Amino acid sequence: MFGIHFKKVPPTAYVLHYRNGNIVREGAGLSFWYFAPTSTVVEVNLASTDVPFVFHEVTADFQEVTVQGQLTYRVIDPRKLCTLLDFSVDVRGQPVSDAVETLQMRLINTTQIITRSITQRTRLPDLLGASDRLVSEVLQRLNKAEQVLMLGVEIVGLSILAVRPAPEIARALEAEVREALHRRSDEATYARRNAAVEQERLIKESELNTEIAVEEKRRQIRETRMGADIAVEEQRARLIDLQVENDRRNADSRAYALKATLEPLRDIDWRTLIAVHGDGQSSGLAISLAFQQLAENAQKIGQLNLTPDLLQSLLTTAEKQPCTKK
């Protein structure tokens, strides 16, 4: 009424009351009356504000990615900000300009420029797995950026919600990862099979070693028995050699005795030996001697007839009159 209005702002809002170009009052959470025709009220929100963003950038390997996140800021120097942007409000408390949207757009543009400088020097696989590093580097550079400092605001936080490649690239990467997982699964299966084969080989090797040890023991037993048999045979061979040696010595002794016995008779005529042996009394020896002499002088005898009766009578006489030795 009559141009006089009452203004009341919350504690999260900073208000500046200008009258005729001069600041009459300023502060957070003020309440006051003012005359609208000669006054200008500037209201700046001091509460933290979240601003979502979506960027489409290109990586170092020329792959398009979408960076989605959220920026949180708050005003720390409202007087500086008011000198750059118009935050005036009307008598109903509505802003007379789009200063808030302009502030947010400037912050988003600065964030996008910093994000682009990082993505352009990073390859897609590295960028997809480096969200934390991207947030840290962007936030650090934002707090030091001249465009942010001159606005009198502070970047409270930055969140990267997603870094997505193009759909066809995402499918290719998914296929590559899927194949890698399949290869790892196959390698695990092969490793398990190799472990089973290795265990089977160790079992077979242990069994073969056991069989070898058993056969070695059996061979040692056979060698022991064979050694015992060889020792027995060697003893038996020595016994046979001793027996042969003894027999040879006995034969040599008998031969020597026989030779000594026959040595005196070597030069005596056999007829004399027969005559001495028969002592003239054996008709059989006489008949034998007679026939021996006939055989020796067969060339001198023209014809000699011996009848069976004569031979029978001679043999009968020889049997009846045996040789007696005096």
Protein backbone atom coordinates (compact mmCIF):
# COMPACT_ATOMS: atom_id res chain seq x y z
CA MET A 1 0.00 0.00 0.00
CA PHE A 2 1.35 3.36 -1.17
CA GLY A 3 4.50 1.50 -2.38
CA ILE A 4 5.59 0.34 1.08
CA HIS A 5 6.33 -3.42 1.32
CA PHE A 6 7.62 -5.80 3.92
CA LYS A 7 10.52 -8.12 3.09
CA LYS A 8 11.45 -11.19 5.08
CA VAL A 9 14.09 -13.68 3.91
CA PRO A 10 15.12 -17.07 5.37
CA PRO A 11 18.54 -17.60 6.99
CA THR A 12 19.78 -19.34 3.84
CA ALA A 13 19.24 -16.18 1.78
CA TYR A 14 21.42 -13.07 1.68
CA VAL A 15 19.59 -9.83 1.00
CA LEU A 16 20.90 -6.39 -0.05
CA HIS A 17 18.62 -3.34 0.20
CA TYR A 18 19.57 -0.53 -2.19
CA ARG A 19 18.03 2.91 -1.92
CA ASN A 20 18.92 5.49 -4.49
CA GLY A 21 21.95 3.39 -5.49
CA ASN A 22 23.29 2.99 -1.97
CA ILE A 23 23.19 -0.11 0.22
CA VAL A 24 20.92 0.59 3.16
CA ARG A 25 21.06 -2.83 4.77
CA GLU A 26 22.39 -6.28 3.95
CA GLY A 27 22.65 -9.66 5.62
CA ALA A 28 21.19 -13.14 5.86
CA GLY A 29 17.68 -13.70 7.21
CA LEU A 30 16.72 -9.98 7.47
CA SER A 31 13.21 -8.59 7.85
CA PHE A 32 12.45 -4.97 6.97
CA TRP A 33 10.06 -2.47 5.41
CA TYR A 34 11.05 -0.65 2.23
CA PHE A 35 9.61 1.81 -0.18
CA ALA A 36 9.45 0.09 -3.56
CA PRO A 37 9.65 3.11 -5.93
CA THR A 38 13.05 4.12 -4.54
CA SER A 39 14.40 0.72 -3.43
CA THR A 40 15.99 -2.30 -5.07
CA VAL A 41 16.12 -5.60 -3.23
CA VAL A 42 18.74 -8.19 -4.21
CA GLU A 43 18.34 -11.72 -2.86
CA VAL A 44 21.07 -14.38 -3.17
CA ASN A 45 20.52 -17.97 -2.10
CA LEU A 46 23.31 -19.10 0.25
CA ALA A 47 22.19 -22.72 0.47
CA SER A 48 24.06 -25.38 -1.46
CA THR A 49 22.57 -26.14 -4.85
CA ASP A 50 22.76 -29.31 -6.93
CA VAL A 51 23.12 -28.94 -10.67
CA PRO A 52 22.91 -32.11 -12.84
CA PHE A 53 24.81 -32.26 -16.10
CA VAL A 54 25.35 -34.56 -19.10
CA PHE A 55 28.39 -34.15 -21.36
CA HIS A 56 29.14 -35.83 -24.71
CA GLU A 57 32.88 -35.99 -25.16
CA VAL A 58 35.49 -37.82 -27.25
CA THR A 59 38.32 -39.87 -25.78
CA ALA A 60 41.95 -40.10 -26.87
CA ASP A 61 41.13 -43.11 -29.09
CA PHE A 62 38.32 -41.13 -30.79
CA GLN A 63 35.44 -42.88 -29.03
CA GLU A 64 32.36 -40.93 -28.00
CA VAL A 65 31.39 -41.15 -24.33
CA THR A 66 28.61 -39.68 -22.23
CA VAL A 67 29.60 -38.28 -18.84
CA GLN A 68 26.68 -37.90 -16.46
CA GLY A 69 27.02 -36.31 -13.03
CA GLN A 70 26.02 -33.66 -10.56
CA LEU A 71 27.73 -30.48 -9.37
CA THR A 72 27.06 -28.98 -5.93
CA TYR A 73 27.98 -25.34 -5.19
CA ARG A 74 27.20 -22.56 -2.72
CA VAL A 75 27.71 -18.78 -2.73
CA ILE A 76 30.40 -17.59 -0.32
CA ASP A 77 30.69 -13.92 -1.49
CA PRO A 78 27.23 -12.64 -2.42
CA ARG A 79 28.39 -8.99 -2.86
CA LYS A 80 30.93 -10.06 -5.48
CA LEU A 81 28.36 -12.21 -7.19
CA CYS A 82 25.83 -9.36 -7.22
CA THR A 83 28.30 -7.16 -9.07
CA LEU A 84 28.44 -9.70 -11.90
CA LEU A 85 24.86 -10.95 -12.12
CA ASP A 86 21.49 -9.36 -11.44
CA PHE A 87 19.78 -11.15 -8.53
CA SER A 88 17.11 -8.44 -8.01
CA VAL A 89 13.61 -9.51 -6.97
CA ASP A 90 10.28 -7.77 -7.37
CA VAL A 91 7.79 -6.93 -4.64
CA ARG A 92 6.44 -10.51 -4.82
CA GLY A 93 9.96 -11.95 -4.23
CA GLN A 94 10.31 -13.26 -7.81
CA PRO A 95 13.64 -12.77 -9.62
CA VAL A 96 13.54 -10.20 -12.37
CA SER A 97 16.25 -12.01 -14.43
CA ASP A 98 17.62 -15.50 -15.06
CA ALA A 99 20.81 -14.89 -13.01
CA VAL A 100 20.57 -18.27 -11.26
CA GLU A 101 20.41 -20.14 -14.57
CA THR A 102 23.29 -18.05 -15.89
CA LEU A 103 25.41 -18.83 -12.81
CA GLN A 104 24.69 -22.53 -13.10
CA MET A 105 25.42 -22.52 -16.83
CA ARG A 106 28.77 -20.85 -16.28
CA LEU A 107 29.69 -23.42 -13.65
CA ILE A 108 28.55 -26.28 -15.92
CA ASN A 109 30.54 -24.87 -18.83
CA THR A 110 33.66 -24.61 -16.69
CA THR A 111 33.14 -28.17 -15.50
CA GLN A 112 32.68 -29.41 -19.07
CA ILE A 113 35.86 -27.69 -20.26
CA ILE A 114 37.91 -29.31 -17.50
CA THR A 115 36.25 -32.70 -18.10
CA ARG A 116 36.91 -32.45 -21.85
CA SER A 117 40.60 -31.74 -21.28
CA ILE A 118 40.82 -34.95 -19.25
CA THR A 119 38.79 -37.21 -21.55
CA GLN A 120 40.67 -36.11 -24.67
CA ARG A 121 43.94 -37.42 -23.26
CA THR A 122 42.50 -40.67 -21.83
CA ARG A 123 41.67 -43.84 -23.75
CA LEU A 124 38.17 -45.27 -23.47
CA PRO A 125 39.02 -48.42 -21.45
CA ASP A 126 41.01 -46.32 -18.97
CA LEU A 127 38.28 -43.69 -18.72
CA LEU A 128 35.53 -46.24 -18.05
CA GLY A 129 37.36 -47.48 -14.99
CA ALA A 130 38.64 -44.14 -13.68
CA SER A 131 35.54 -42.36 -12.38
CA ASP A 132 37.10 -41.64 -8.99
CA ARG A 133 40.24 -40.20 -10.56
CA LEU A 134 38.12 -38.11 -12.92
CA VAL A 135 36.07 -36.69 -10.02
CA SER A 136 39.16 -35.89 -7.98
CA GLU A 137 40.97 -34.12 -10.79
CA VAL A 138 37.94 -32.14 -12.01
CA LEU A 139 36.99 -31.04 -8.47
CA GLN A 140 40.53 -29.94 -7.69
CA ARG A 141 40.79 -27.89 -10.88
CA LEU A 142 37.31 -26.38 -10.37
CA ASN A 143 38.21 -24.98 -6.94
CA LYS A 144 41.25 -23.31 -8.49
CA ALA A 145 39.55 -22.11 -11.69
CA GLU A 146 39.50 -18.32 -12.16
CA GLN A 147 35.94 -18.47 -13.56
CA VAL A 148 34.72 -19.97 -10.27
CA LEU A 149 36.71 -17.71 -7.97
CA MET A 150 35.55 -14.50 -9.66
CA LEU A 151 31.89 -15.53 -9.19
CA GLY A 152 32.30 -15.76 -5.42
CA VAL A 153 31.07 -19.36 -5.21
CA GLU A 154 32.57 -22.52 -3.78
CA ILE A 155 32.30 -26.00 -5.32
CA VAL A 156 31.09 -28.20 -2.50
CA GLY A 157 31.03 -31.50 -4.34
CA LEU A 158 31.14 -33.29 -7.67
CA SER A 159 29.69 -36.67 -8.52
CA ILE A 160 30.20 -38.69 -11.71
CA LEU A 161 27.17 -40.94 -11.92
CA ALA A 162 28.07 -42.70 -15.15
CA VAL A 163 30.56 -42.76 -18.00
CA ARG A 164 28.90 -44.54 -20.92
CA PRO A 165 30.31 -45.25 -24.37
CA ALA A 166 28.22 -45.40 -27.53
CA PRO A 167 25.77 -48.34 -27.59
CA GLU A 168 27.63 -50.27 -30.31
CA ILE A 169 30.96 -49.70 -28.53
CA ALA A 170 29.36 -50.79 -25.25
CA ARG A 171 28.15 -54.00 -26.90
CA ALA A 172 31.63 -54.61 -28.33
CA LEU A 173 33.23 -54.03 -24.95
CA GLU A 174 30.65 -56.27 -23.31
CA ALA A 175 31.40 -58.98 -25.86
CA GLU A 176 35.14 -58.58 -25.24
CA VAL A 177 34.68 -58.78 -21.48
CA ARG A 178 32.27 -61.67 -21.87
CA GLU A 179 34.77 -63.55 -24.02
CA ALA A 180 37.50 -62.77 -21.50
CA LEU A 181 35.29 -64.16 -18.73
CA HIS A 182 34.59 -67.24 -20.83
CA ARG A 183 38.31 -67.66 -21.40
CA ARG A 184 38.92 -67.37 -17.66
CA SER A 185 36.18 -69.93 -17.05
CA ASP A 186 37.74 -72.24 -19.64
CA GLU A 187 41.16 -71.69 -18.12
CA ALA A 188 39.75 -72.52 -14.69
CA THR A 189 38.18 -75.68 -16.14
CA TYR A 190 41.43 -76.62 -17.86
CA ALA A 191 43.37 -75.89 -14.68
CA ARG A 192 40.98 -78.11 -12.71
CA ARG A 193 41.34 -80.86 -15.31
CA ASN A 194 45.10 -80.46 -15.36
CA ALA A 195 45.13 -80.67 -11.58
CA ALA A 196 43.04 -83.85 -11.74
CA VAL A 197 45.34 -85.29 -14.42
CA GLU A 198 48.36 -84.29 -12.36
CA GLN A 199 46.90 -85.97 -9.28
CA GLU A 200 46.13 -89.07 -11.36
CA ARG A 201 49.67 -89.02 -12.69
CA LEU A 202 51.04 -88.76 -9.16
CA ILE A 203 48.86 -91.68 -8.08
CA LYS A 204 49.99 -93.78 -11.07
CA GLU A 205 53.57 -92.77 -10.45
CA SER A 206 53.23 -93.76 -6.81
CA GLU A 207 51.74 -97.11 -7.83
CA LEU A 208 54.52 -97.67 -10.36
CA ASN A 209 57.11 -96.72 -7.76
CA THR A 210 55.53 -99.21 -5.38
CA GLU A 211 55.61 -101.92 -8.06
CA ILE A 212 59.22 -101.03 -8.85
CA ALA A 213 60.10 -101.26 -5.16
CA VAL A 214 58.33 -104.64 -4.92
CA GLU A 215 60.08 -105.93 -8.03
CA GLU A 216 63.37 -104.63 -6.66
CA LYS A 217 62.79 -106.57 -3.45
CA ARG A 218 61.88 -109.67 -5.44
CA ARG A 219 65.01 -109.26 -7.55
CA GLN A 220 67.09 -108.94 -4.40
CA ILE A 221 65.45 -112.09 -3.04
CA ARG A 222 66.15 -113.94 -6.32
CA GLU A 223 69.72 -112.67 -6.35
CA THR A 224 70.15 -113.80 -2.75
CA ARG A 225 68.78 -117.23 -3.56
CA MET A 226 70.86 -117.38 -6.72
CA GLY A 227 73.92 -116.36 -4.75
CA ALA A 228 73.22 -119.13 -2.27
CA ASP A 229 72.74 -121.65 -5.14
CA ILE A 230 75.96 -120.41 -6.76
CA ALA A 231 77.79 -120.82 -3.47
CA VAL A 232 76.41 -124.38 -3.15
CA GLU A 233 77.34 -125.19 -6.75
CA GLU A 234 80.80 -123.73 -6.26
CA GLN A 235 81.26 -125.90 -3.19
CA ARG A 236 79.92 -128.88 -5.13
CA ALA A 237 82.31 -128.10 -8.02
CA ARG A 238 85.20 -127.92 -5.58
CA LEU A 239 84.08 -131.24 -4.11
CA ILE A 240 83.92 -132.82 -7.59
CA ASP A 241 87.34 -131.37 -8.39
CA LEU A 242 88.67 -132.92 -5.19
CA GLN A 243 87.03 -136.24 -6.04
CA VAL A 244 88.47 -136.15 -9.58
CA GLU A 245 91.84 -135.23 -8.20
CA ASN A 246 91.66 -138.09 -5.73
CA ASP A 247 90.50 -140.53 -8.47
CA ARG A 248 93.30 -139.34 -10.71
CA ARG A 249 95.80 -139.82 -7.94
CA ASN A 250 94.38 -143.31 -7.24
CA ALA A 251 94.55 -144.18 -10.97
CA ASP A 252 98.10 -142.85 -11.13
CA SER A 253 98.96 -144.95 -8.10
CA ARG A 254 97.42 -148.11 -9.60
CA ALA A 255 99.03 -147.41 -12.97
CA TYR A 256 102.35 -146.93 -11.29
CA ALA A 257 101.91 -150.20 -9.35
CA LEU A 258 100.87 -152.08 -12.50
CA LYS A 259 103.73 -150.57 -14.44
CA ALA A 260 106.14 -151.58 -11.69
CA THR A 261 104.67 -155.09 -11.75
CA LEU A 262 104.83 -155.51 -15.56
CA GLU A 263 108.18 -153.82 -16.06
CA PRO A 264 110.20 -157.05 -15.37
CA LEU A 265 107.98 -159.06 -17.75
CA ARG A 266 108.16 -156.67 -20.68
CA ASP A 267 111.05 -158.52 -22.47
CA ILE A 268 109.91 -162.12 -21.72
CA ASP A 269 108.31 -164.15 -24.54
CA TRP A 270 104.60 -164.78 -24.07
CA ARG A 271 105.09 -168.48 -24.68
CA THR A 272 107.39 -168.64 -21.76
CA LEU A 273 104.80 -166.81 -19.69
CA ILE A 274 102.12 -169.29 -20.73
CA ALA A 275 104.38 -172.20 -20.05
CA VAL A 276 105.29 -170.78 -16.67
CA HIS A 277 101.68 -169.97 -15.92
CA GLY A 278 100.48 -173.42 -17.07
CA ASP A 279 103.42 -175.24 -15.54
CA GLY A 280 103.04 -177.98 -18.27
CA GLN A 281 99.91 -179.45 -16.71
CA SER A 282 97.04 -177.66 -18.54
CA SER A 283 95.98 -179.49 -21.68
CA GLY A 284 93.80 -176.50 -22.64
CA LEU A 285 96.77 -174.17 -22.64
CA ALA A 286 98.73 -176.76 -24.59
CA ILE A 287 96.02 -177.08 -27.18
CA SER A 288 95.75 -173.27 -27.38
CA LEU A 289 99.51 -173.01 -27.83
CA ALA A 290 99.38 -175.69 -30.53
CA PHE A 291 96.69 -173.86 -32.46
CA GLN A 292 98.57 -170.53 -32.03
CA GLN A 293 101.66 -172.11 -33.59
CA LEU A 294 99.60 -173.62 -36.41
CA ALA A 295 98.20 -170.18 -37.13
CA GLU A 296 101.65 -168.62 -37.22
CA ASN A 297 102.93 -171.33 -39.64
CA ALA A 298 99.79 -171.49 -41.75
CA GLN A 299 101.76 -170.69 -44.91
CA LYS A 300 103.88 -173.77 -44.43
CA ILE A 301 100.99 -176.19 -44.01
CA GLY A 302 99.48 -177.42 -47.18
CA GLN A 303 96.16 -178.80 -45.92
CA LEU A 304 94.87 -179.51 -42.40
CA ASN A 305 91.57 -181.28 -41.66
CA LEU A 306 90.01 -180.86 -38.19
CA THR A 307 86.86 -182.87 -37.72
CA PRO A 308 84.19 -181.92 -35.19
CA ASP A 309 84.75 -185.13 -33.38
CA LEU A 310 88.42 -184.28 -32.88
CA LEU A 311 87.59 -180.81 -31.54
CA GLN A 312 84.92 -182.24 -29.26
CA SER A 313 87.32 -184.79 -27.83
CA LEU A 314 89.99 -182.16 -27.29
CA LEU A 315 87.59 -179.80 -25.51
CA THR A 316 86.24 -182.65 -23.39
CA THR A 317 89.70 -183.66 -22.38
CA ALA A 318 90.59 -180.06 -21.53
CA GLU A 319 87.55 -179.70 -19.32
CA LYS A 320 88.24 -182.94 -17.49
CA GLN A 321 91.89 -182.17 -16.86
CA PRO A 322 92.01 -178.57 -15.53
CA CYS A 323 95.24 -176.86 -14.99
CA THR A 324 96.63 -177.27 -11.45
CA LYS A 325 99.19 -174.99 -10.11
CA LYS A 326 101.99 -176.36 -7.95
